[in-house]
Protein backbone atom coordinates (compact mmCIF):
# COMPACT_ATOMS: atom_id res chain seq x y z
CA MET A 1 -8.94 49.00 -16.74
CA LYS A 2 -11.86 49.94 -18.99
CA ARG A 3 -12.18 48.59 -22.50
CA LYS A 4 -11.55 52.09 -23.96
CA ASP A 5 -8.39 52.49 -21.91
CA ILE A 6 -7.12 49.11 -23.05
CA ARG A 7 -7.71 50.07 -26.70
CA GLU A 8 -5.95 53.39 -26.26
CA PHE A 9 -3.04 51.66 -24.54
CA ALA A 10 -2.83 49.17 -27.36
CA ASP A 11 -2.88 51.97 -29.98
CA SER A 12 -0.21 54.00 -28.22
CA GLU A 13 3.46 53.78 -28.98
CA PRO A 14 4.94 50.50 -27.72
CA GLN A 15 6.81 51.01 -24.47
CA GLY A 16 8.19 47.52 -23.96
CA PHE A 17 7.49 44.75 -21.49
CA ALA A 18 8.93 46.56 -18.46
CA HIS A 19 6.62 49.54 -19.02
CA TRP A 20 3.59 47.26 -19.42
CA PHE A 21 4.54 45.22 -16.35
CA ARG A 22 4.93 48.27 -14.08
CA ASN A 23 2.05 50.40 -15.33
CA VAL A 24 -0.54 47.84 -16.32
CA PHE A 25 0.04 44.41 -14.83
CA LEU A 26 1.17 45.44 -11.35
CA TYR A 27 -1.30 48.32 -11.13
CA TYR A 28 -4.41 46.45 -12.25
CA TYR A 29 -3.63 42.80 -11.62
CA GLY A 30 -0.86 42.74 -9.03
CA LYS A 31 -3.12 41.98 -6.08
CA TRP A 32 -4.81 39.05 -7.81
CA ALA A 33 -1.48 37.72 -9.01
CA LEU A 34 -0.22 37.66 -5.43
CA VAL A 35 -3.37 35.84 -4.34
CA ALA A 36 -2.93 33.27 -7.10
CA ILE A 37 0.75 32.77 -6.26
CA ALA A 38 -0.10 32.30 -2.58
CA ALA A 39 -2.79 29.76 -3.44
CA ILE A 40 -0.42 27.81 -5.69
CA ALA A 41 2.22 27.86 -2.95
CA VAL A 42 -0.26 26.41 -0.46
CA VAL A 43 -1.25 23.61 -2.85
CA VAL A 44 2.40 22.76 -3.55
CA PHE A 45 3.22 22.78 0.18
CA ILE A 46 0.32 20.48 1.03
CA SER A 47 1.27 18.12 -1.80
CA LEU A 48 4.90 17.93 -0.70
CA GLU A 49 3.91 17.59 2.95
CA SER A 50 1.59 14.67 2.21
CA ARG A 51 4.36 12.90 0.34
CA THR A 52 6.95 13.39 3.05
CA THR A 53 4.61 12.34 5.87
CA LYS A 54 3.34 9.23 4.08
CA VAL A 55 4.23 6.09 6.02
CA LYS A 56 6.95 4.05 4.35
CA TYR A 57 6.07 0.51 5.33
CA ASP A 58 8.73 -2.05 6.09
CA PHE A 59 6.34 -4.86 5.26
CA GLN A 60 2.87 -5.31 3.77
CA MET A 61 0.67 -8.39 3.89
CA GLY A 62 -2.89 -9.53 3.40
CA ILE A 63 -5.26 -11.62 5.47
CA ILE A 64 -8.00 -13.02 3.24
CA VAL A 65 -10.82 -14.97 4.80
CA SER A 66 -14.32 -16.16 3.94
CA GLY A 67 -15.77 -14.34 6.92
CA GLY A 68 -15.24 -11.46 9.27
CA ILE A 69 -12.40 -11.11 11.76
CA SER A 70 -11.77 -8.13 13.98
CA TRP A 71 -8.74 -5.88 13.73
CA GLU A 72 -8.20 -6.25 17.48
CA SER A 73 -7.84 -10.03 17.17
CA THR A 74 -4.81 -9.56 14.90
CA GLU A 75 -2.86 -7.47 17.41
CA GLU A 76 -0.61 -10.34 18.55
CA LEU A 77 -0.03 -11.39 14.96
CA ARG A 78 0.98 -7.88 13.99
CA GLY A 79 3.39 -7.81 16.91
CA LEU A 80 5.02 -11.04 15.76
CA VAL A 81 5.29 -9.70 12.21
CA GLU A 82 6.93 -6.47 13.38
CA GLN A 83 9.50 -8.39 15.40
CA ALA A 84 10.26 -10.82 12.58
CA VAL A 85 10.48 -8.15 9.89
CA GLY A 86 12.52 -5.49 11.65
CA ASP A 87 13.49 -2.13 10.20
CA VAL A 88 13.73 -3.17 6.56
CA ASN A 89 13.89 0.33 5.09
CA GLY A 90 16.29 1.64 7.73
CA ASN A 91 14.25 4.68 8.76
CA GLY A 92 14.50 3.95 12.47
CA SER A 93 11.00 2.51 12.97
CA VAL A 94 9.13 -0.66 12.08
CA ASP A 95 5.86 -0.06 10.29
CA ILE A 96 3.71 -2.80 8.80
CA ASP A 97 0.55 -2.70 6.75
CA VAL A 98 -1.95 -5.52 7.26
CA GLN A 99 -4.96 -5.59 4.95
CA ILE A 100 -7.92 -7.75 6.02
CA VAL A 101 -10.38 -8.75 3.31
CA ASN A 102 -13.63 -10.61 4.01
CA LEU A 103 -14.69 -12.46 0.86
CA GLY A 104 -17.63 -13.90 2.74
CA ASP A 105 -19.42 -10.55 2.80
CA VAL A 106 -22.11 -11.01 0.16
CA GLU A 107 -23.03 -7.32 0.03
CA GLN A 108 -19.43 -6.28 -0.61
CA ALA A 109 -18.40 -9.35 -2.60
CA GLU A 110 -17.51 -7.54 -5.82
CA ALA A 111 -15.65 -4.73 -4.07
CA ASN A 112 -13.70 -7.12 -1.85
CA GLN A 113 -12.79 -9.36 -4.76
CA SER A 114 -11.46 -6.30 -6.56
CA LYS A 115 -9.48 -5.40 -3.46
CA VAL A 116 -7.87 -8.85 -3.42
CA MET A 117 -6.93 -8.50 -7.06
CA LEU A 118 -5.47 -5.07 -6.34
CA LEU A 119 -3.40 -6.39 -3.44
CA MET A 120 -2.10 -9.29 -5.50
CA SER A 121 -1.06 -6.94 -8.28
CA GLN A 122 1.20 -4.89 -6.01
CA HIS A 123 4.74 -6.15 -5.51
CA GLU A 124 4.87 -4.73 -1.98
CA TYR A 125 2.57 -7.51 -0.76
CA THR A 126 4.55 -10.74 -0.50
CA LEU A 127 2.80 -12.66 2.30
CA TYR A 128 -0.81 -13.78 2.56
CA ILE A 129 -2.67 -15.55 5.34
CA LEU A 130 -5.72 -17.37 3.98
CA ASP A 131 -8.28 -19.82 5.29
CA GLU A 132 -8.65 -23.39 3.99
CA GLU A 133 -11.06 -22.61 1.17
CA LEU A 134 -9.31 -19.53 -0.18
CA SER A 135 -5.77 -20.87 0.15
CA ARG A 136 -6.87 -23.86 -1.90
CA HIS A 137 -8.63 -21.69 -4.46
CA TYR A 138 -5.75 -19.30 -5.11
CA SER A 139 -3.20 -22.12 -4.99
CA ASP A 140 -5.15 -23.94 -7.68
CA LEU A 141 -4.80 -20.80 -9.76
CA GLU A 142 -1.04 -20.94 -9.09
CA TYR A 143 -0.96 -17.41 -7.71
CA PHE A 144 1.67 -18.32 -5.12
CA ASP A 145 5.14 -19.84 -5.05
CA ASP A 146 6.09 -23.43 -4.24
CA LEU A 147 7.32 -23.23 -0.65
CA ARG A 148 9.56 -26.27 -1.10
CA ASN A 149 11.88 -24.01 -3.05
CA TYR A 150 12.39 -21.91 0.07
CA GLY A 151 13.30 -24.67 2.48
CA PHE A 152 9.86 -25.18 4.00
CA THR A 153 7.79 -28.35 4.32
CA PRO A 154 4.42 -27.21 2.99
CA ASP A 155 1.07 -28.90 2.78
CA GLU A 156 1.51 -32.36 1.25
CA GLU A 157 -1.36 -31.85 -1.16
CA ILE A 158 -0.75 -28.19 -1.97
CA PRO A 159 2.90 -27.05 -1.91
CA TYR A 160 1.86 -23.41 -2.30
CA ARG A 161 0.63 -23.16 1.27
CA ILE A 162 1.91 -24.02 4.74
CA ASP A 163 -0.20 -24.66 7.83
CA VAL A 164 0.26 -21.93 10.46
CA ASN A 165 -2.82 -22.66 12.51
CA ALA A 166 -0.76 -23.99 15.42
CA ALA A 167 0.84 -20.58 16.01
CA ALA A 168 -0.39 -18.93 19.20
CA VAL A 169 -0.90 -15.60 17.41
CA ILE A 170 -3.06 -17.34 14.80
CA ARG A 171 -5.16 -19.21 17.35
CA ASP A 172 -6.31 -15.84 18.66
CA ILE A 173 -8.03 -15.14 15.35
CA ALA A 174 -8.44 -18.54 13.71
CA ALA A 175 -11.74 -19.88 15.05
CA PRO A 176 -13.61 -21.12 13.10
CA TYR A 177 -11.03 -20.88 10.33
CA HIS A 178 -7.94 -22.90 9.53
CA PHE A 179 -5.19 -20.62 8.30
CA TYR A 180 -2.31 -21.13 5.89
CA ALA A 181 0.55 -18.86 4.86
CA CYS A 182 1.28 -18.30 1.17
CA LEU A 183 4.20 -16.54 -0.47
CA PHE A 184 4.08 -14.23 -3.46
CA ASP A 185 7.72 -13.82 -4.48
CA TRP A 186 7.78 -10.79 -6.77
CA ALA A 187 11.58 -10.68 -6.66
CA ALA A 188 11.72 -14.05 -8.43
CA ILE A 189 10.20 -12.46 -11.52
CA GLY A 190 12.22 -9.26 -11.26
CA LYS A 191 9.40 -6.96 -10.17
CA GLY A 192 9.93 -6.69 -6.43
CA LYS A 193 12.66 -6.21 -3.87
CA GLN A 194 14.45 -9.23 -2.47
CA GLU A 195 14.31 -7.75 1.02
CA ARG A 196 10.52 -7.96 0.97
CA THR A 197 10.66 -11.64 0.05
CA ASP A 198 13.27 -12.24 2.75
CA ALA A 199 11.02 -10.48 5.28
CA ALA A 200 8.08 -12.69 4.27
CA LEU A 201 10.21 -15.81 4.76
CA ARG A 202 11.18 -14.60 8.25
CA VAL A 203 7.53 -14.10 9.12
CA ILE A 204 6.58 -17.59 7.92
CA THR A 205 9.43 -19.05 9.98
CA ALA A 206 8.29 -17.09 13.03
CA LEU A 207 4.73 -18.36 12.60
CA ILE A 208 5.91 -21.97 12.36
CA ASN A 209 8.01 -21.58 15.49
CA ASP A 210 5.44 -19.64 17.49
């Protein structure tokens, strides 16, 4: 529609919204409106699809070490965790999320430290496997819970950690590290689900008995 035509239309006798919609909007802009609506529909569909297909984990944990370990070496550990946890959310499958952070990587030190802080700020993560140095460090900061309160016999010096290095699934990945399990009980402070804490306790028990 040319500028002159628009002015003449504006100066003409008002015909109402229906007249404008049929004779102006649909005639001049209908095609582009359909394109815009289709584009919005695609964006909404993709957004909803991504939400519905997102994995809903039954259990999430972190392995924090002062050096590199391979994902493949944790396969047996992940299998034990899956078996101990079970289908917590009741969706018919057992899905776990294991995050491995290497704080010994000098080049990525700042990024990895930030990742640890991010993990420890999320109430979904209730169990951590750490090496000697890091389990001592974070226990000194009182990040974790006293395992004596959960029926375990923890390290005599540090009650926030329990030795799991004797577990067969840990021996596959331990060398040259000595690993401890630590609990972050979010439910105790009213910010997490009790079932996640219970799942973490089952995993610790399974590691001790492995």
